[in-house]
Amino acid sequence: MRGIVLAGGSGTRLHPMTLAASKQLLPIYDKPMIYYPLSVLMLAGAREVLVISTPEDLPSFKRLLGSGAQWGLSLSYAEQPRPDGLAQAYTIGAPFVEGHNSALVLGDNIFYGHGLTESLRAAGARRDGATVFAYHVRDPERYGVVEFDSENRAVSLEEKPRAPKSNWAVTGLYFYDRHAPSYAAALKPSARGELEITDLNRVYLEAGGLNVERLGRGFAWLDTGTPASLLEASQYVRAIEQRQGQRVACLEEIAFLQGWIDAAAMREAAARLAKSGYGAYLLQVLQEAEARCF
């Protein structure tokens, strides 16, 4: 399975913070925002990842993330000249995912919760159809909304409806089979002039191939598109890390525990970041792992 992080857009709701930097490069507490969606793809098992962003911001992402080898990944990059809809990720990324199942995650979405890795791996293991995740929200009119029947099967999808049929919003994480690029290429722009991800999901729904997994109360889904939500996300991550003593979306830790990098790579990363708490944490993870071996 291959992964795509869509990190485009101009972040106008965050101006002036995003006048000179991509929204996905802003910090969420102790690490860049893009670390969080990238960690989700890593937990799902994706090691080949395409980062899509604007022509102006791509150089910054390349400086931050590089080739991905430091995490046992292979990162590629592609330009999105204009933000013409989320489904555009599959017209831009078609050569990258051709013939492969894939997962798309939005660059400003954060997921956290017990059992998340198992849910991600189960979604990634499905060979046919699509899987999306729904989350109960109080303001569903802001999102793509899924309606369920009495047997909890998805029966309809609407994009930002004025009269939502449920409070279940589709999150910014999507798993698709190899047909996603061809389905996306056949979509027509909506009234907003965009290729809507809801329309792509509807193709799978109408074909009987859409799985909708509900994220329950034990999960957190955070969308960081406004100053208030940006602050809330940072406070949430800080609270988790301070309480548990474990980092959220620590890419080196994920790669190390999955066997994608070795102890030498962890030690090198810890030394490179030694003056920060992040570097000290990497050394702690390494020392704890080595202690378990004796």
C-alpha atoms as a PDB file:
ATOM      1  CA  MET A   1       0.000   0.000   0.000  1.00  0.00           C
ATOM      2  CA  ARG A   2       1.178   3.493  -0.828  1.00  0.00           C
ATOM      3  CA  GLY A   3       0.342   6.695   1.000  1.00  0.00           C
ATOM      4  CA  ILE A   4      -0.431  10.273   0.029  1.00  0.00           C
ATOM      5  CA  VAL A   5      -0.293  13.343   2.267  1.00  0.00           C
ATOM      6  CA  LEU A   6      -2.220  16.246   0.759  1.00  0.00           C
ATOM      7  CA  ALA A   7      -0.566  19.352   2.211  1.00  0.00           C
ATOM      8  CA  GLY A   8      -1.623  22.033  -0.234  1.00  0.00           C
ATOM      9  CA  GLY A   9      -3.859  25.062   0.027  1.00  0.00           C
ATOM     10  CA  SER A  10      -3.097  28.596   1.101  1.00  0.00           C
ATOM     11  CA  GLY A  11      -4.346  28.403   4.709  1.00  0.00           C
ATOM     12  CA  THR A  12      -6.300  31.628   4.435  1.00  0.00           C
ATOM     13  CA  ARG A  13      -8.158  30.993   7.697  1.00  0.00           C
ATOM     14  CA  LEU A  14      -4.796  31.117   9.462  1.00  0.00           C
ATOM     15  CA  HIS A  15      -3.544  34.378   7.952  1.00  0.00           C
ATOM     16  CA  PRO A  16      -1.218  36.083   8.744  1.00  0.00           C
ATOM     17  CA  MET A  17       0.523  32.967  10.162  1.00  0.00           C
ATOM     18  CA  THR A  18       0.456  31.264   6.766  1.00  0.00           C
ATOM     19  CA  LEU A  19       1.474  34.217   4.606  1.00  0.00           C
ATOM     20  CA  ALA A  20       5.078  32.991   4.517  1.00  0.00           C
ATOM     21  CA  ALA A  21       4.767  29.328   5.520  1.00  0.00           C
ATOM     22  CA  SER A  22       2.532  26.383   4.709  1.00  0.00           C
ATOM     23  CA  LYS A  23      -0.108  25.580   7.301  1.00  0.00           C
ATOM     24  CA  GLN A  24       1.235  22.018   7.483  1.00  0.00           C
ATOM     25  CA  LEU A  25       4.647  23.337   8.552  1.00  0.00           C
ATOM     26  CA  LEU A  26       3.258  25.164  11.585  1.00  0.00           C
ATOM     27  CA  PRO A  27       3.944  23.537  14.954  1.00  0.00           C
ATOM     28  CA  ILE A  28       1.463  21.385  16.812  1.00  0.00           C
ATOM     29  CA  TYR A  29       3.054  21.603  20.264  1.00  0.00           C
ATOM     30  CA  ASP A  30       6.499  20.059  19.758  1.00  0.00           C
ATOM     31  CA  LYS A  31       6.651  19.019  16.110  1.00  0.00           C
ATOM     32  CA  PRO A  32       5.560  20.196  12.647  1.00  0.00           C
ATOM     33  CA  MET A  33       1.935  19.562  11.775  1.00  0.00           C
ATOM     34  CA  ILE A  34       2.796  17.251   8.872  1.00  0.00           C
ATOM     35  CA  TYR A  35       4.417  14.765  11.270  1.00  0.00           C
ATOM     36  CA  TYR A  36       0.962  13.798  12.544  1.00  0.00           C
ATOM     37  CA  PRO A  37      -0.666  12.683   9.259  1.00  0.00           C
ATOM     38  CA  LEU A  38       2.627  11.136   8.156  1.00  0.00           C
ATOM     39  CA  SER A  39       2.660   9.088  11.359  1.00  0.00           C
ATOM     40  CA  VAL A  40      -0.825   7.784  10.527  1.00  0.00           C
ATOM     41  CA  LEU A  41       0.373   6.447   7.174  1.00  0.00           C
ATOM     42  CA  MET A  42       3.384   4.858   8.872  1.00  0.00           C
ATOM     43  CA  LEU A  43       1.161   3.157  11.448  1.00  0.00           C
ATOM     44  CA  ALA A  44      -0.976   1.873   8.563  1.00  0.00           C
ATOM     45  CA  GLY A  45       2.131   0.259   7.104  1.00  0.00           C
ATOM     46  CA  ALA A  46       2.810   2.606   4.181  1.00  0.00           C
ATOM     47  CA  ARG A  47       6.523   3.121   3.508  1.00  0.00           C
ATOM     48  CA  GLU A  48       6.237   4.765   0.091  1.00  0.00           C
ATOM     49  CA  VAL A  49       4.589   8.164   0.502  1.00  0.00           C
ATOM     50  CA  LEU A  50       3.820  11.034  -1.854  1.00  0.00           C
ATOM     51  CA  VAL A  51       3.661  14.558  -0.394  1.00  0.00           C
ATOM     52  CA  ILE A  52       1.533  16.936  -2.472  1.00  0.00           C
ATOM     53  CA  SER A  53       1.805  20.676  -1.877  1.00  0.00           C
ATOM     54  CA  THR A  54       2.013  24.011  -3.636  1.00  0.00           C
ATOM     55  CA  PRO A  55       4.987  24.851  -5.881  1.00  0.00           C
ATOM     56  CA  GLU A  56       5.993  27.551  -3.374  1.00  0.00           C
ATOM     57  CA  ASP A  57       5.921  25.263  -0.328  1.00  0.00           C
ATOM     58  CA  LEU A  58       7.362  22.027  -1.718  1.00  0.00           C
ATOM     59  CA  PRO A  59      11.008  23.131  -1.203  1.00  0.00           C
ATOM     60  CA  SER A  60      10.301  23.640   2.498  1.00  0.00           C
ATOM     61  CA  PHE A  61       8.781  20.176   2.821  1.00  0.00           C
ATOM     62  CA  LYS A  62      11.785  18.684   1.058  1.00  0.00           C
ATOM     63  CA  ARG A  63      14.131  20.447   3.497  1.00  0.00           C
ATOM     64  CA  LEU A  64      12.143  19.171   6.457  1.00  0.00           C
ATOM     65  CA  LEU A  65      11.444  15.607   5.356  1.00  0.00           C
ATOM     66  CA  GLY A  66      14.126  14.846   2.787  1.00  0.00           C
ATOM     67  CA  SER A  67      14.071  11.409   1.186  1.00  0.00           C
ATOM     68  CA  GLY A  68      12.428   9.849   4.236  1.00  0.00           C
ATOM     69  CA  ALA A  69      15.298   7.382   4.603  1.00  0.00           C
ATOM     70  CA  GLN A  70      15.867   8.536   8.195  1.00  0.00           C
ATOM     71  CA  TRP A  71      12.514   6.880   9.002  1.00  0.00           C
ATOM     72  CA  GLY A  72      12.859   3.926   6.662  1.00  0.00           C
ATOM     73  CA  LEU A  73      10.550   5.612   4.159  1.00  0.00           C
ATOM     74  CA  SER A  74      10.729   6.544   0.499  1.00  0.00           C
ATOM     75  CA  LEU A  75       9.231  10.006   0.044  1.00  0.00           C
ATOM     76  CA  SER A  76       8.238  11.548  -3.286  1.00  0.00           C
ATOM     77  CA  TYR A  77       6.888  15.015  -3.985  1.00  0.00           C
ATOM     78  CA  ALA A  78       4.363  16.482  -6.418  1.00  0.00           C
ATOM     79  CA  GLU A  79       2.957  19.943  -7.063  1.00  0.00           C
ATOM     80  CA  GLN A  80      -0.653  21.032  -6.699  1.00  0.00           C
ATOM     81  CA  PRO A  81      -0.703  24.333  -8.605  1.00  0.00           C
ATOM     82  CA  ARG A  82      -4.235  25.174  -7.455  1.00  0.00           C
ATOM     83  CA  PRO A  83      -6.381  23.725  -4.658  1.00  0.00           C
ATOM     84  CA  ASP A  84      -9.051  22.231  -6.906  1.00  0.00           C
ATOM     85  CA  GLY A  85     -10.468  19.712  -4.464  1.00  0.00           C
ATOM     86  CA  LEU A  86      -9.290  16.836  -2.286  1.00  0.00           C
ATOM     87  CA  ALA A  87      -9.958  14.215  -4.953  1.00  0.00           C
ATOM     88  CA  GLN A  88      -7.413  16.039  -7.102  1.00  0.00           C
ATOM     89  CA  ALA A  89      -4.798  14.167  -5.050  1.00  0.00           C
ATOM     90  CA  TYR A  90      -5.655  11.127  -7.179  1.00  0.00           C
ATOM     91  CA  THR A  91      -5.323  12.881 -10.503  1.00  0.00           C
ATOM     92  CA  ILE A  92      -1.982  14.371  -9.425  1.00  0.00           C
ATOM     93  CA  GLY A  93      -0.835  11.185  -7.722  1.00  0.00           C
ATOM     94  CA  ALA A  94      -2.105   8.732 -10.336  1.00  0.00           C
ATOM     95  CA  PRO A  95       1.378   7.728 -11.597  1.00  0.00           C
ATOM     96  CA  PHE A  96       2.542   7.184  -8.012  1.00  0.00           C
ATOM     97  CA  VAL A  97      -0.319   4.900  -6.908  1.00  0.00           C
ATOM     98  CA  GLU A  98      -0.963   3.180 -10.267  1.00  0.00           C
ATOM     99  CA  GLY A  99      -1.719  -0.480  -9.671  1.00  0.00           C
ATOM    100  CA  HIS A 100      -1.541  -0.129  -5.889  1.00  0.00           C
ATOM    101  CA  ASN A 101      -3.982   0.244  -3.052  1.00  0.00           C
ATOM    102  CA  SER A 102      -3.430   3.513  -1.248  1.00  0.00           C
ATOM    103  CA  ALA A 103      -4.270   5.697   1.722  1.00  0.00           C
ATOM    104  CA  LEU A 104      -4.835   9.447   1.529  1.00  0.00           C
ATOM    105  CA  VAL A 105      -4.574  11.647   4.608  1.00  0.00           C
ATOM    106  CA  LEU A 106      -5.067  15.396   4.809  1.00  0.00           C
ATOM    107  CA  GLY A 107      -2.044  17.291   6.054  1.00  0.00           C
ATOM    108  CA  ASP A 108      -3.951  19.184   8.744  1.00  0.00           C
ATOM    109  CA  ASN A 109      -5.714  16.210  10.371  1.00  0.00           C
ATOM    110  CA  ILE A 110      -4.615  14.596  13.647  1.00  0.00           C
ATOM    111  CA  PHE A 111      -5.772  11.162  14.803  1.00  0.00           C
ATOM    112  CA  TYR A 112      -5.075   9.610  18.179  1.00  0.00           C
ATOM    113  CA  GLY A 113      -6.556   6.837  20.269  1.00  0.00           C
ATOM    114  CA  HIS A 114      -6.230   3.337  21.663  1.00  0.00           C
ATOM    115  CA  GLY A 115      -6.513   0.750  18.917  1.00  0.00           C
ATOM    116  CA  LEU A 116      -5.816   3.213  16.112  1.00  0.00           C
ATOM    117  CA  THR A 117      -2.997   1.127  14.644  1.00  0.00           C
ATOM    118  CA  GLU A 118      -5.208  -1.963  14.499  1.00  0.00           C
ATOM    119  CA  SER A 119      -7.981  -0.020  12.758  1.00  0.00           C
ATOM    120  CA  LEU A 120      -5.519   1.394  10.236  1.00  0.00           C
ATOM    121  CA  ARG A 121      -3.966  -1.991   9.489  1.00  0.00           C
ATOM    122  CA  ALA A 122      -7.409  -3.574   9.029  1.00  0.00           C
ATOM    123  CA  ALA A 123      -8.402  -0.851   6.562  1.00  0.00           C
ATOM    124  CA  GLY A 124      -5.141  -1.219   4.683  1.00  0.00           C
ATOM    125  CA  ALA A 125      -5.567  -4.994   4.461  1.00  0.00           C
ATOM    126  CA  ARG A 126      -8.795  -4.742   2.444  1.00  0.00           C
ATOM    127  CA  ARG A 127      -7.911  -5.430  -1.166  1.00  0.00           C
ATOM    128  CA  ASP A 128     -11.124  -4.167  -2.749  1.00  0.00           C
ATOM    129  CA  GLY A 129     -13.311  -1.134  -2.231  1.00  0.00           C
ATOM    130  CA  ALA A 130     -12.722   1.850   0.019  1.00  0.00           C
ATOM    131  CA  THR A 131     -12.670   2.533   3.750  1.00  0.00           C
ATOM    132  CA  VAL A 132     -13.359   5.881   5.399  1.00  0.00           C
ATOM    133  CA  PHE A 133     -13.644   6.821   9.059  1.00  0.00           C
ATOM    134  CA  ALA A 134     -16.598   8.674  10.572  1.00  0.00           C
ATOM    135  CA  TYR A 135     -16.487  10.786  13.722  1.00  0.00           C
ATOM    136  CA  HIS A 136     -19.420  12.202  15.710  1.00  0.00           C
ATOM    137  CA  VAL A 137     -19.354  16.027  15.660  1.00  0.00           C
ATOM    138  CA  ARG A 138     -21.652  18.801  16.877  1.00  0.00           C
ATOM    139  CA  ASP A 139     -21.362  20.844  13.656  1.00  0.00           C
ATOM    140  CA  PRO A 140     -21.725  18.338  10.792  1.00  0.00           C
ATOM    141  CA  GLU A 141     -22.641  21.048   8.284  1.00  0.00           C
ATOM    142  CA  ARG A 142     -18.914  21.864   8.057  1.00  0.00           C
ATOM    143  CA  TYR A 143     -18.001  18.404   6.756  1.00  0.00           C
ATOM    144  CA  GLY A 144     -18.865  15.559   4.466  1.00  0.00           C
ATOM    145  CA  VAL A 145     -21.660  13.738   6.289  1.00  0.00           C
ATOM    146  CA  VAL A 146     -22.558  10.042   6.198  1.00  0.00           C
ATOM    147  CA  GLU A 147     -26.055   8.751   6.874  1.00  0.00           C
ATOM    148  CA  PHE A 148     -26.603   5.266   8.314  1.00  0.00           C
ATOM    149  CA  ASP A 149     -29.638   2.995   8.147  1.00  0.00           C
ATOM    150  CA  SER A 150     -31.117   1.042  11.057  1.00  0.00           C
ATOM    151  CA  GLU A 151     -28.476  -1.657  10.596  1.00  0.00           C
ATOM    152  CA  ASN A 152     -25.617   0.900  10.713  1.00  0.00           C
ATOM    153  CA  ARG A 153     -24.869   0.616   7.008  1.00  0.00           C
ATOM    154  CA  ALA A 154     -23.904   3.781   5.146  1.00  0.00           C
ATOM    155  CA  VAL A 155     -26.677   4.822   2.773  1.00  0.00           C
ATOM    156  CA  SER A 156     -25.790   8.382   1.721  1.00  0.00           C
ATOM    157  CA  LEU A 157     -22.980  10.928   1.638  1.00  0.00           C
ATOM    158  CA  GLU A 158     -23.371  14.698   1.428  1.00  0.00           C
ATOM    159  CA  GLU A 159     -20.749  17.439   1.264  1.00  0.00           C
ATOM    160  CA  LYS A 160     -21.338  20.290   3.738  1.00  0.00           C
ATOM    161  CA  PRO A 161     -25.145  19.853   3.790  1.00  0.00           C
ATOM    162  CA  ARG A 162     -27.404  22.638   5.051  1.00  0.00           C
ATOM    163  CA  ALA A 163     -29.597  20.053   6.760  1.00  0.00           C
ATOM    164  CA  PRO A 164     -27.304  17.186   7.812  1.00  0.00           C
ATOM    165  CA  LYS A 165     -28.900  13.741   8.029  1.00  0.00           C
ATOM    166  CA  SER A 166     -26.600  12.731  10.870  1.00  0.00           C
ATOM    167  CA  ASN A 167     -23.829  14.034  13.105  1.00  0.00           C
ATOM    168  CA  TRP A 168     -21.262  11.652  11.632  1.00  0.00           C
ATOM    169  CA  ALA A 169     -18.571  13.491   9.693  1.00  0.00           C
ATOM    170  CA  VAL A 170     -16.176  11.757   7.320  1.00  0.00           C
ATOM    171  CA  THR A 171     -12.645  12.431   8.513  1.00  0.00           C
ATOM    172  CA  GLY A 172      -9.655  13.340   6.362  1.00  0.00           C
ATOM    173  CA  LEU A 173      -8.373   9.760   6.085  1.00  0.00           C
ATOM    174  CA  TYR A 174      -9.300   7.529   3.157  1.00  0.00           C
ATOM    175  CA  PHE A 175      -8.239   4.049   2.031  1.00  0.00           C
ATOM    176  CA  TYR A 176      -8.828   3.116  -1.618  1.00  0.00           C
ATOM    177  CA  ASP A 177      -8.216   0.199  -3.910  1.00  0.00           C
ATOM    178  CA  ARG A 178      -6.304   0.464  -7.177  1.00  0.00           C
ATOM    179  CA  HIS A 179      -9.312   1.936  -9.015  1.00  0.00           C
ATOM    180  CA  ALA A 180      -9.240   5.298  -7.203  1.00  0.00           C
ATOM    181  CA  PRO A 181      -7.203   7.184  -9.866  1.00  0.00           C
ATOM    182  CA  SER A 182      -9.521   6.162 -12.700  1.00  0.00           C
ATOM    183  CA  TYR A 183     -12.609   6.996 -10.641  1.00  0.00           C
ATOM    184  CA  ALA A 184     -11.144  10.393  -9.733  1.00  0.00           C
ATOM    185  CA  ALA A 185     -10.298  11.119 -13.368  1.00  0.00           C
ATOM    186  CA  ALA A 186     -13.961  10.611 -14.289  1.00  0.00           C
ATOM    187  CA  LEU A 187     -15.306  13.041 -11.664  1.00  0.00           C
ATOM    188  CA  LYS A 188     -16.802  16.352 -12.701  1.00  0.00           C
ATOM    189  CA  PRO A 189     -16.143  19.533 -10.704  1.00  0.00           C
ATOM    190  CA  SER A 190     -18.816  20.438  -8.178  1.00  0.00           C
ATOM    191  CA  ALA A 191     -20.667  23.739  -7.996  1.00  0.00           C
ATOM    192  CA  ARG A 192     -17.640  24.969  -6.031  1.00  0.00           C
ATOM    193  CA  GLY A 193     -15.443  24.114  -9.013  1.00  0.00           C
ATOM    194  CA  GLU A 194     -13.659  21.349  -7.121  1.00  0.00           C
ATOM    195  CA  LEU A 195     -13.185  17.605  -7.431  1.00  0.00           C
ATOM    196  CA  GLU A 196     -14.939  16.577  -4.236  1.00  0.00           C
ATOM    197  CA  ILE A 197     -13.662  13.669  -2.184  1.00  0.00           C
ATOM    198  CA  THR A 198     -17.288  13.011  -1.214  1.00  0.00           C
ATOM    199  CA  ASP A 199     -18.066  12.355  -4.886  1.00  0.00           C
ATOM    200  CA  LEU A 200     -15.212   9.855  -5.061  1.00  0.00           C
ATOM    201  CA  ASN A 201     -16.481   8.131  -1.926  1.00  0.00           C
ATOM    202  CA  ARG A 202     -19.976   8.124  -3.399  1.00  0.00           C
ATOM    203  CA  VAL A 203     -18.708   6.146  -6.402  1.00  0.00           C
ATOM    204  CA  TYR A 204     -17.625   3.402  -4.025  1.00  0.00           C
ATOM    205  CA  LEU A 205     -20.843   3.683  -2.001  1.00  0.00           C
ATOM    206  CA  GLU A 206     -23.047   3.258  -5.064  1.00  0.00           C
ATOM    207  CA  ALA A 207     -20.980   0.257  -6.162  1.00  0.00           C
ATOM    208  CA  GLY A 208     -21.431  -1.347  -2.737  1.00  0.00           C
ATOM    209  CA  GLY A 209     -17.743  -1.097  -1.954  1.00  0.00           C
ATOM    210  CA  LEU A 210     -17.575   1.599   0.747  1.00  0.00           C
ATOM    211  CA  ASN A 211     -16.730   0.589   4.302  1.00  0.00           C
ATOM    212  CA  VAL A 212     -17.405   3.229   6.946  1.00  0.00           C
ATOM    213  CA  GLU A 213     -15.697   2.703  10.290  1.00  0.00           C
ATOM    214  CA  ARG A 214     -16.909   4.787  13.217  1.00  0.00           C
ATOM    215  CA  LEU A 215     -14.304   6.264  15.535  1.00  0.00           C
ATOM    216  CA  GLY A 216     -15.793   6.063  19.016  1.00  0.00           C
ATOM    217  CA  ARG A 217     -15.300   8.076  22.171  1.00  0.00           C
ATOM    218  CA  GLY A 218     -11.854   6.631  22.755  1.00  0.00           C
ATOM    219  CA  PHE A 219     -10.494   8.412  19.684  1.00  0.00           C
ATOM    220  CA  ALA A 220      -9.615  12.016  18.976  1.00  0.00           C
ATOM    221  CA  TRP A 221      -9.884  13.553  15.521  1.00  0.00           C
ATOM    222  CA  LEU A 222      -8.604  17.120  15.312  1.00  0.00           C
ATOM    223  CA  ASP A 223      -8.830  19.418  12.299  1.00  0.00           C
ATOM    224  CA  THR A 224      -6.342  22.285  12.635  1.00  0.00           C
ATOM    225  CA  GLY A 225      -7.649  24.787  10.125  1.00  0.00           C
ATOM    226  CA  THR A 226      -8.315  27.759  12.440  1.00  0.00           C
ATOM    227  CA  PRO A 227      -6.253  29.534  15.133  1.00  0.00           C
ATOM    228  CA  ALA A 228      -8.534  28.147  17.845  1.00  0.00           C
ATOM    229  CA  SER A 229      -8.311  24.547  16.600  1.00  0.00           C
ATOM    230  CA  LEU A 230      -4.549  24.920  16.140  1.00  0.00           C
ATOM    231  CA  LEU A 231      -4.201  25.906  19.796  1.00  0.00           C
ATOM    232  CA  GLU A 232      -6.593  23.173  20.939  1.00  0.00           C
ATOM    233  CA  ALA A 233      -4.583  20.539  19.073  1.00  0.00           C
ATOM    234  CA  SER A 234      -1.338  21.724  20.676  1.00  0.00           C
ATOM    235  CA  GLN A 235      -2.906  21.687  24.118  1.00  0.00           C
ATOM    236  CA  TYR A 236      -4.294  18.207  23.530  1.00  0.00           C
ATOM    237  CA  VAL A 237      -0.933  16.796  22.401  1.00  0.00           C
ATOM    238  CA  ARG A 238       0.850  18.484  25.304  1.00  0.00           C
ATOM    239  CA  ALA A 239      -1.619  17.025  27.805  1.00  0.00           C
ATOM    240  CA  ILE A 240      -1.173  13.496  26.416  1.00  0.00           C
ATOM    241  CA  GLU A 241       2.604  13.716  26.331  1.00  0.00           C
ATOM    242  CA  GLN A 242       2.955  15.288  29.763  1.00  0.00           C
ATOM    243  CA  ARG A 243       0.576  12.789  31.339  1.00  0.00           C
ATOM    244  CA  GLN A 244       1.872   9.612  29.694  1.00  0.00           C
ATOM    245  CA  GLY A 245       5.499  10.481  29.103  1.00  0.00           C
ATOM    246  CA  GLN A 246       5.156   9.235  25.527  1.00  0.00           C
ATOM    247  CA  ARG A 247       5.320  11.316  22.357  1.00  0.00           C
ATOM    248  CA  VAL A 248       2.482  11.537  19.875  1.00  0.00           C
ATOM    249  CA  ALA A 249       3.535  11.116  16.218  1.00  0.00           C
ATOM    250  CA  CYS A 250       7.211  10.534  16.932  1.00  0.00           C
ATOM    251  CA  LEU A 251       8.287   9.295  13.502  1.00  0.00           C
ATOM    252  CA  GLU A 252      11.618   7.877  14.632  1.00  0.00           C
ATOM    253  CA  GLU A 253       9.968   5.882  17.401  1.00  0.00           C
ATOM    254  CA  ILE A 254       7.350   4.461  15.030  1.00  0.00           C
ATOM    255  CA  ALA A 255      10.000   3.500  12.496  1.00  0.00           C
ATOM    256  CA  PHE A 256      12.239   1.941  15.158  1.00  0.00           C
ATOM    257  CA  LEU A 257       9.490  -0.110  16.791  1.00  0.00           C
ATOM    258  CA  GLN A 258       8.374  -1.391  13.386  1.00  0.00           C
ATOM    259  CA  GLY A 259      11.917  -2.417  12.484  1.00  0.00           C
ATOM    260  CA  TRP A 260      12.310   0.109   9.664  1.00  0.00           C
ATOM    261  CA  ILE A 261      15.387   1.710  11.243  1.00  0.00           C
ATOM    262  CA  ASP A 262      17.957   0.222  13.591  1.00  0.00           C
ATOM    263  CA  ALA A 263      19.451   1.304  16.902  1.00  0.00           C
ATOM    264  CA  ALA A 264      22.310   3.115  15.175  1.00  0.00           C
ATOM    265  CA  ALA A 265      19.858   5.300  13.235  1.00  0.00           C
ATOM    266  CA  MET A 266      17.941   6.058  16.428  1.00  0.00           C
ATOM    267  CA  ARG A 267      21.144   7.007  18.228  1.00  0.00           C
ATOM    268  CA  GLU A 268      22.157   9.253  15.333  1.00  0.00           C
ATOM    269  CA  ALA A 269      18.768  11.007  15.348  1.00  0.00           C
ATOM    270  CA  ALA A 270      18.957  11.465  19.120  1.00  0.00           C
ATOM    271  CA  ALA A 271      22.413  13.014  18.828  1.00  0.00           C
ATOM    272  CA  ARG A 272      21.290  15.336  16.030  1.00  0.00           C
ATOM    273  CA  LEU A 273      18.389  16.599  18.164  1.00  0.00           C
ATOM    274  CA  ALA A 274      20.209  16.345  21.494  1.00  0.00           C
ATOM    275  CA  LYS A 275      19.476  19.912  22.604  1.00  0.00           C
ATOM    276  CA  SER A 276      15.718  19.388  22.447  1.00  0.00           C
ATOM    277  CA  GLY A 277      13.355  17.322  24.544  1.00  0.00           C
ATOM    278  CA  TYR A 278      12.520  15.427  21.367  1.00  0.00           C
ATOM    279  CA  GLY A 279      16.104  14.186  21.059  1.00  0.00           C
ATOM    280  CA  ALA A 280      16.186  13.200  24.717  1.00  0.00           C
ATOM    281  CA  TYR A 281      13.005  11.201  24.194  1.00  0.00           C
ATOM    282  CA  LEU A 282      14.529   9.269  21.285  1.00  0.00           C
ATOM    283  CA  LEU A 283      17.444   8.293  23.498  1.00  0.00           C
ATOM    284  CA  GLN A 284      15.006   7.194  26.198  1.00  0.00           C
ATOM    285  CA  VAL A 285      13.087   4.996  23.738  1.00  0.00           C
ATOM    286  CA  LEU A 286      16.350   3.425  22.590  1.00  0.00           C
ATOM    287  CA  GLN A 287      17.579   2.790  26.127  1.00  0.00           C
ATOM    288  CA  GLU A 288      14.267   1.211  27.144  1.00  0.00           C
ATOM    289  CA  ALA A 289      14.355  -1.060  24.088  1.00  0.00           C
ATOM    290  CA  GLU A 290      17.913  -2.116  24.825  1.00  0.00           C
ATOM    291  CA  ALA A 291      17.038  -2.801  28.469  1.00  0.00           C
ATOM    292  CA  ARG A 292      14.239  -5.161  27.381  1.00  0.00           C
ATOM    293  CA  CYS A 293      16.767  -7.206  25.414  1.00  0.00           C
ATOM    294  CA  PHE A 294      18.677  -8.189  28.567  1.00  0.00           C
END
